[in-house]
Each structure stands twice: as C-alpha cells, then as structure tokens.
N, C-alpha and C. Protein backbone atom coordinates (compact mmCIF):
# COMPACT_ATOMS: atom_id res chain seq x y z
N MET A 1 34.55 92.30 55.60
CA MET A 1 34.85 91.56 56.81
C MET A 1 33.92 90.35 56.96
N LYS A 2 32.64 90.57 56.61
CA LYS A 2 31.65 89.49 56.70
C LYS A 2 32.05 88.32 55.79
N GLU A 3 32.54 88.62 54.59
CA GLU A 3 32.95 87.57 53.65
C GLU A 3 34.15 86.79 54.18
N ILE A 4 35.06 87.48 54.85
CA ILE A 4 36.24 86.80 55.41
C ILE A 4 35.82 85.82 56.50
N ILE A 5 34.97 86.27 57.40
CA ILE A 5 34.50 85.41 58.49
C ILE A 5 33.70 84.23 57.94
N LEU A 6 32.85 84.49 56.96
CA LEU A 6 32.06 83.42 56.34
C LEU A 6 32.98 82.40 55.66
N THR A 7 33.97 82.88 54.95
CA THR A 7 34.93 81.98 54.27
C THR A 7 35.66 81.11 55.29
N ILE A 8 36.16 81.73 56.35
CA ILE A 8 36.88 80.98 57.37
C ILE A 8 35.96 79.95 58.03
N ALA A 9 34.73 80.34 58.34
CA ALA A 9 33.78 79.42 58.99
C ALA A 9 33.44 78.24 58.09
N ILE A 10 33.16 78.50 56.83
CA ILE A 10 32.81 77.42 55.91
C ILE A 10 33.98 76.47 55.71
N CYS A 11 35.17 77.03 55.55
CA CYS A 11 36.36 76.19 55.38
C CYS A 11 36.61 75.33 56.61
N LEU A 12 36.43 75.89 57.80
CA LEU A 12 36.64 75.11 59.02
C LEU A 12 35.60 74.01 59.16
N ILE A 13 34.36 74.32 58.93
CA ILE A 13 33.29 73.32 59.05
C ILE A 13 33.52 72.17 58.06
N LEU A 14 33.82 72.51 56.82
CA LEU A 14 34.09 71.47 55.82
C LEU A 14 35.31 70.63 56.18
N THR A 15 36.35 71.30 56.65
CA THR A 15 37.57 70.59 57.05
C THR A 15 37.28 69.61 58.18
N LEU A 16 36.53 70.05 59.18
CA LEU A 16 36.21 69.17 60.30
C LEU A 16 35.39 67.97 59.84
N ILE A 17 34.40 68.20 59.03
CA ILE A 17 33.56 67.09 58.53
C ILE A 17 34.41 66.10 57.73
N LEU A 18 35.19 66.61 56.79
CA LEU A 18 35.98 65.74 55.93
C LEU A 18 37.09 65.01 56.68
N GLU A 19 37.79 65.72 57.55
CA GLU A 19 38.91 65.08 58.24
C GLU A 19 38.44 64.09 59.30
N LEU A 20 37.35 64.40 59.98
CA LEU A 20 36.83 63.43 60.94
C LEU A 20 36.29 62.19 60.24
N ALA A 21 35.64 62.38 59.10
CA ALA A 21 35.16 61.23 58.32
C ALA A 21 36.35 60.40 57.83
N ALA A 22 37.37 61.05 57.33
CA ALA A 22 38.57 60.34 56.86
C ALA A 22 39.26 59.62 58.01
N ALA A 23 39.31 60.25 59.19
CA ALA A 23 39.91 59.61 60.36
C ALA A 23 39.17 58.32 60.71
N LEU A 24 37.86 58.37 60.67
CA LEU A 24 37.06 57.17 60.94
C LEU A 24 37.34 56.09 59.90
N VAL A 25 37.45 56.47 58.64
CA VAL A 25 37.71 55.51 57.56
C VAL A 25 39.06 54.82 57.75
N ILE A 26 40.08 55.57 58.20
CA ILE A 26 41.40 54.96 58.36
C ILE A 26 41.58 54.27 59.71
N GLY A 27 40.53 54.24 60.52
CA GLY A 27 40.56 53.46 61.74
C GLY A 27 40.76 54.22 63.04
N ILE A 28 40.72 55.52 62.99
CA ILE A 28 40.83 56.30 64.22
C ILE A 28 39.42 56.42 64.79
N ARG A 29 39.22 55.78 65.95
CA ARG A 29 37.88 55.70 66.50
C ARG A 29 37.76 56.22 67.94
N LYS A 30 38.89 56.34 68.63
CA LYS A 30 38.83 56.77 70.03
C LYS A 30 38.36 58.21 70.11
N GLY A 31 37.45 58.46 71.05
CA GLY A 31 36.89 59.80 71.22
C GLY A 31 37.94 60.86 71.44
N PHE A 32 38.95 60.54 72.27
CA PHE A 32 40.00 61.52 72.55
C PHE A 32 40.76 61.86 71.27
N ASP A 33 41.06 60.86 70.45
CA ASP A 33 41.80 61.10 69.21
C ASP A 33 40.99 61.97 68.25
N LEU A 34 39.70 61.73 68.17
CA LEU A 34 38.84 62.55 67.31
C LEU A 34 38.75 63.98 67.85
N LEU A 35 38.78 64.12 69.16
CA LEU A 35 38.80 65.45 69.78
C LEU A 35 40.12 66.17 69.48
N VAL A 36 41.23 65.44 69.53
CA VAL A 36 42.53 66.03 69.19
C VAL A 36 42.52 66.53 67.74
N ILE A 37 41.98 65.73 66.84
CA ILE A 37 41.89 66.13 65.43
C ILE A 37 41.01 67.38 65.29
N THR A 38 39.91 67.40 66.00
CA THR A 38 39.01 68.55 65.96
C THR A 38 39.71 69.82 66.45
N PHE A 39 40.32 69.75 67.61
CA PHE A 39 40.98 70.94 68.17
C PHE A 39 42.19 71.37 67.34
N THR A 40 42.92 70.40 66.83
CA THR A 40 44.09 70.72 66.00
C THR A 40 43.65 71.49 64.76
N ASN A 41 42.60 71.02 64.11
CA ASN A 41 42.10 71.71 62.92
C ASN A 41 41.49 73.06 63.25
N THR A 42 40.90 73.17 64.43
CA THR A 42 40.33 74.45 64.85
C THR A 42 41.43 75.49 65.04
N LEU A 43 42.62 75.03 65.37
CA LEU A 43 43.77 75.94 65.48
C LEU A 43 44.40 76.25 64.12
N THR A 44 44.62 75.22 63.32
CA THR A 44 45.40 75.41 62.09
C THR A 44 44.59 75.91 60.90
N ASN A 45 43.37 75.44 60.76
CA ASN A 45 42.61 75.78 59.56
C ASN A 45 42.30 77.27 59.41
N PRO A 46 41.75 77.93 60.44
CA PRO A 46 41.48 79.37 60.26
C PRO A 46 42.76 80.17 59.96
N LEU A 47 43.87 79.80 60.59
CA LEU A 47 45.13 80.49 60.32
C LEU A 47 45.58 80.28 58.88
N ALA A 48 45.44 79.05 58.40
CA ALA A 48 45.85 78.75 57.03
C ALA A 48 44.98 79.49 56.01
N VAL A 49 43.68 79.50 56.24
CA VAL A 49 42.76 80.18 55.32
C VAL A 49 43.03 81.69 55.33
N LEU A 50 43.17 82.25 56.51
CA LEU A 50 43.44 83.69 56.61
C LEU A 50 44.79 84.04 55.98
N ALA A 51 45.81 83.23 56.23
CA ALA A 51 47.12 83.47 55.63
C ALA A 51 47.03 83.46 54.10
N GLY A 52 46.30 82.49 53.57
CA GLY A 52 46.12 82.42 52.12
C GLY A 52 45.41 83.65 51.57
N MET A 53 44.38 84.09 52.28
CA MET A 53 43.64 85.28 51.84
C MET A 53 44.52 86.52 51.87
N LEU A 54 45.30 86.67 52.94
CA LEU A 54 46.18 87.83 53.06
C LEU A 54 47.29 87.82 52.03
N LEU A 55 47.90 86.66 51.83
CA LEU A 55 48.97 86.56 50.83
C LEU A 55 48.43 86.83 49.43
N SER A 56 47.24 86.37 49.16
CA SER A 56 46.61 86.60 47.87
C SER A 56 46.34 88.08 47.64
N ALA A 57 45.85 88.74 48.68
CA ALA A 57 45.44 90.14 48.55
C ALA A 57 46.60 91.13 48.58
N PHE A 58 47.65 90.82 49.33
CA PHE A 58 48.67 91.83 49.58
C PHE A 58 50.08 91.52 49.08
N THR A 59 50.26 90.40 48.42
CA THR A 59 51.60 90.10 47.89
C THR A 59 51.49 89.68 46.44
N GLY A 60 52.62 89.64 45.82
CA GLY A 60 52.67 89.17 44.44
C GLY A 60 53.14 87.73 44.35
N ILE A 61 53.15 87.04 45.50
CA ILE A 61 53.61 85.65 45.51
C ILE A 61 52.63 84.80 44.70
N PRO A 62 53.14 83.98 43.80
CA PRO A 62 52.24 83.11 43.03
C PRO A 62 51.42 82.19 43.95
N ARG A 63 50.16 82.01 43.59
CA ARG A 63 49.23 81.23 44.41
C ARG A 63 49.77 79.84 44.73
N LEU A 64 50.32 79.16 43.74
CA LEU A 64 50.83 77.81 43.95
C LEU A 64 51.91 77.79 45.03
N ILE A 65 52.77 78.78 45.04
CA ILE A 65 53.87 78.84 46.01
C ILE A 65 53.33 79.00 47.43
N TYR A 66 52.44 79.98 47.64
CA TYR A 66 51.97 80.17 49.02
C TYR A 66 51.04 79.06 49.47
N ILE A 67 50.32 78.44 48.57
CA ILE A 67 49.48 77.30 48.96
C ILE A 67 50.38 76.14 49.42
N ILE A 68 51.43 75.87 48.68
CA ILE A 68 52.36 74.80 49.06
C ILE A 68 52.99 75.09 50.43
N LEU A 69 53.44 76.32 50.63
CA LEU A 69 54.06 76.68 51.90
C LEU A 69 53.08 76.58 53.08
N ILE A 70 51.89 77.07 52.88
CA ILE A 70 50.88 77.01 53.95
C ILE A 70 50.51 75.56 54.25
N GLU A 71 50.22 74.78 53.22
CA GLU A 71 49.82 73.39 53.43
C GLU A 71 50.95 72.56 54.05
N LEU A 72 52.17 72.82 53.66
CA LEU A 72 53.31 72.12 54.25
C LEU A 72 53.43 72.47 55.73
N SER A 73 53.24 73.73 56.07
CA SER A 73 53.27 74.15 57.47
C SER A 73 52.17 73.49 58.29
N VAL A 74 50.98 73.43 57.72
CA VAL A 74 49.85 72.79 58.41
C VAL A 74 50.12 71.30 58.58
N PHE A 75 50.60 70.65 57.53
CA PHE A 75 50.90 69.22 57.57
C PHE A 75 51.89 68.90 58.70
N ILE A 76 52.98 69.64 58.76
CA ILE A 76 54.01 69.39 59.77
C ILE A 76 53.49 69.70 61.18
N THR A 77 52.82 70.83 61.33
CA THR A 77 52.27 71.21 62.64
C THR A 77 51.30 70.15 63.15
N GLU A 78 50.38 69.74 62.30
CA GLU A 78 49.39 68.75 62.72
C GLU A 78 50.04 67.40 63.00
N ALA A 79 50.99 67.01 62.18
CA ALA A 79 51.68 65.73 62.42
C ALA A 79 52.39 65.72 63.76
N LEU A 80 53.03 66.82 64.11
CA LEU A 80 53.72 66.90 65.40
C LEU A 80 52.75 66.86 66.57
N ILE A 81 51.60 67.52 66.41
CA ILE A 81 50.57 67.46 67.45
C ILE A 81 50.04 66.03 67.57
N TYR A 82 49.77 65.39 66.44
CA TYR A 82 49.26 64.02 66.46
C TYR A 82 50.28 63.07 67.07
N LYS A 83 51.55 63.28 66.78
CA LYS A 83 52.61 62.43 67.32
C LYS A 83 52.62 62.51 68.85
N LYS A 84 52.40 63.69 69.36
CA LYS A 84 52.43 63.91 70.81
C LYS A 84 51.15 63.44 71.50
N LEU A 85 49.99 63.60 70.86
CA LEU A 85 48.73 63.44 71.58
C LEU A 85 47.85 62.25 71.19
N LEU A 86 47.97 61.75 69.98
CA LEU A 86 47.05 60.67 69.58
C LEU A 86 47.36 59.37 70.32
N PHE A 87 46.31 58.70 70.78
CA PHE A 87 46.46 57.39 71.40
C PHE A 87 46.61 56.30 70.35
N SER A 88 45.96 56.48 69.22
CA SER A 88 46.03 55.49 68.14
C SER A 88 47.46 55.44 67.61
N ARG A 89 48.11 54.33 67.80
CA ARG A 89 49.50 54.19 67.38
C ARG A 89 49.65 53.27 66.17
N LYS A 90 48.52 52.85 65.59
CA LYS A 90 48.58 51.96 64.43
C LYS A 90 49.21 52.64 63.23
N LEU A 91 48.91 53.91 63.06
CA LEU A 91 49.40 54.66 61.91
C LEU A 91 50.41 55.71 62.34
N ASN A 92 51.38 55.93 61.48
CA ASN A 92 52.36 56.99 61.70
C ASN A 92 51.63 58.34 61.69
N PRO A 93 51.89 59.22 62.66
CA PRO A 93 51.17 60.51 62.71
C PRO A 93 51.40 61.38 61.47
N PHE A 94 52.54 61.22 60.81
CA PHE A 94 52.80 61.97 59.58
C PHE A 94 51.93 61.45 58.44
N ILE A 95 51.69 60.14 58.43
CA ILE A 95 50.80 59.55 57.42
C ILE A 95 49.36 59.99 57.70
N VAL A 96 48.98 59.99 58.98
CA VAL A 96 47.63 60.44 59.36
C VAL A 96 47.43 61.88 58.90
N SER A 97 48.39 62.75 59.19
CA SER A 97 48.29 64.15 58.80
C SER A 97 48.22 64.29 57.28
N LEU A 98 49.04 63.53 56.57
CA LEU A 98 49.05 63.58 55.11
C LEU A 98 47.69 63.16 54.53
N ILE A 99 47.15 62.07 55.03
CA ILE A 99 45.86 61.58 54.54
C ILE A 99 44.75 62.59 54.84
N LEU A 100 44.66 63.02 56.10
CA LEU A 100 43.58 63.91 56.50
C LEU A 100 43.66 65.25 55.75
N ASN A 101 44.86 65.80 55.66
CA ASN A 101 45.03 67.07 54.95
C ASN A 101 44.80 66.92 53.45
N GLY A 102 45.21 65.80 52.90
CA GLY A 102 44.96 65.56 51.47
C GLY A 102 43.48 65.52 51.16
N VAL A 103 42.74 64.80 52.00
CA VAL A 103 41.29 64.71 51.81
C VAL A 103 40.64 66.08 51.93
N SER A 104 40.97 66.79 53.01
CA SER A 104 40.31 68.08 53.22
C SER A 104 40.74 69.12 52.19
N PHE A 105 41.98 69.07 51.75
CA PHE A 105 42.42 70.05 50.76
C PHE A 105 41.76 69.81 49.41
N PHE A 106 41.87 68.60 48.90
CA PHE A 106 41.39 68.34 47.54
C PHE A 106 39.86 68.32 47.44
N ILE A 107 39.20 67.76 48.41
CA ILE A 107 37.74 67.74 48.38
C ILE A 107 37.18 69.05 48.93
N GLY A 108 37.74 69.51 50.03
CA GLY A 108 37.23 70.71 50.71
C GLY A 108 37.33 71.97 49.89
N THR A 109 38.43 72.17 49.16
CA THR A 109 38.56 73.39 48.37
C THR A 109 37.51 73.44 47.26
N THR A 110 37.21 72.30 46.70
CA THR A 110 36.19 72.26 45.64
C THR A 110 34.81 72.57 46.21
N ILE A 111 34.46 71.91 47.32
CA ILE A 111 33.14 72.14 47.92
C ILE A 111 33.03 73.57 48.45
N ALA A 112 34.08 74.05 49.13
CA ALA A 112 34.04 75.40 49.70
C ALA A 112 33.84 76.45 48.61
N ALA A 113 34.51 76.28 47.48
CA ALA A 113 34.36 77.23 46.38
C ALA A 113 32.91 77.28 45.90
N LYS A 114 32.28 76.12 45.79
CA LYS A 114 30.88 76.06 45.34
C LYS A 114 29.94 76.68 46.37
N VAL A 115 30.16 76.36 47.65
CA VAL A 115 29.30 76.92 48.70
C VAL A 115 29.45 78.43 48.77
N LEU A 116 30.68 78.90 48.74
CA LEU A 116 30.90 80.35 48.81
C LEU A 116 30.34 81.07 47.58
N GLU A 117 30.41 80.41 46.45
CA GLU A 117 29.83 80.98 45.20
C GLU A 117 28.34 81.20 45.37
N LEU A 118 27.67 80.28 46.05
CA LEU A 118 26.23 80.39 46.29
C LEU A 118 25.89 81.46 47.32
N LEU A 119 26.75 81.62 48.32
CA LEU A 119 26.45 82.51 49.44
C LEU A 119 26.92 83.95 49.23
N ILE A 120 27.98 84.13 48.47
CA ILE A 120 28.54 85.48 48.33
C ILE A 120 28.20 86.07 46.98
C-alpha cells in the first residue's frame, strides 16, 4: 500500500511541475488558469495512475492498449475542463491538453521511473 501511495504522489508532483512549466512556456500565465490546470491534474492524474496499476496487476490487457485508453480519457477530460474554465483563449483547449499531457507523459514517466527506482 505504501508503494502505491508513493507512486501516485510522485507521479502527481512530477505531472504538476511539468505541466505548469509547459503551460507557462506556451503562454498561459493567468493565476486562475494555472490553478485550473493544477486542480484538473489533481483530479485526473491519481485516477490515471491507479487505473494503470490496477489494469497491470489484475488484467491481461496489453500495457500499450490500456495506456492509450487511459491517456486518451485524460486528454479528453482535461480538454473539456479547459474549454469550460480557462480564461486564456489564445490556444485551443484540446491543443493545450495535448501539449501538457504529452510533456508530462513522455518526460514524467521517465523521471518517475528513475525516482521510484531509487526510493523503492
């Protein structure tokens, strides 16, 4: 149980750092918008990580399939939240979600694996 909580916490922290940094890079600067991104990820990331862990442990579904399904669900959910709540209208919310999730997935999974390797 301790490893599960640690994994979820590390993944969330890395996701928040990476996605907020990426948001700043693409021009999202309003405090409310950064707060929306923070809260959105606080909702979606732990669920995505836990779903991946459960699917890995208890099903025979190939990893690539469930990763694609989970990430697609997160992408759409976050894009819809951003469409409804973000004040920054310069970028399409689906593009924002794609960029932020791409950054956190590709960079975050690599870093998280290394951090967890050291801690567990």
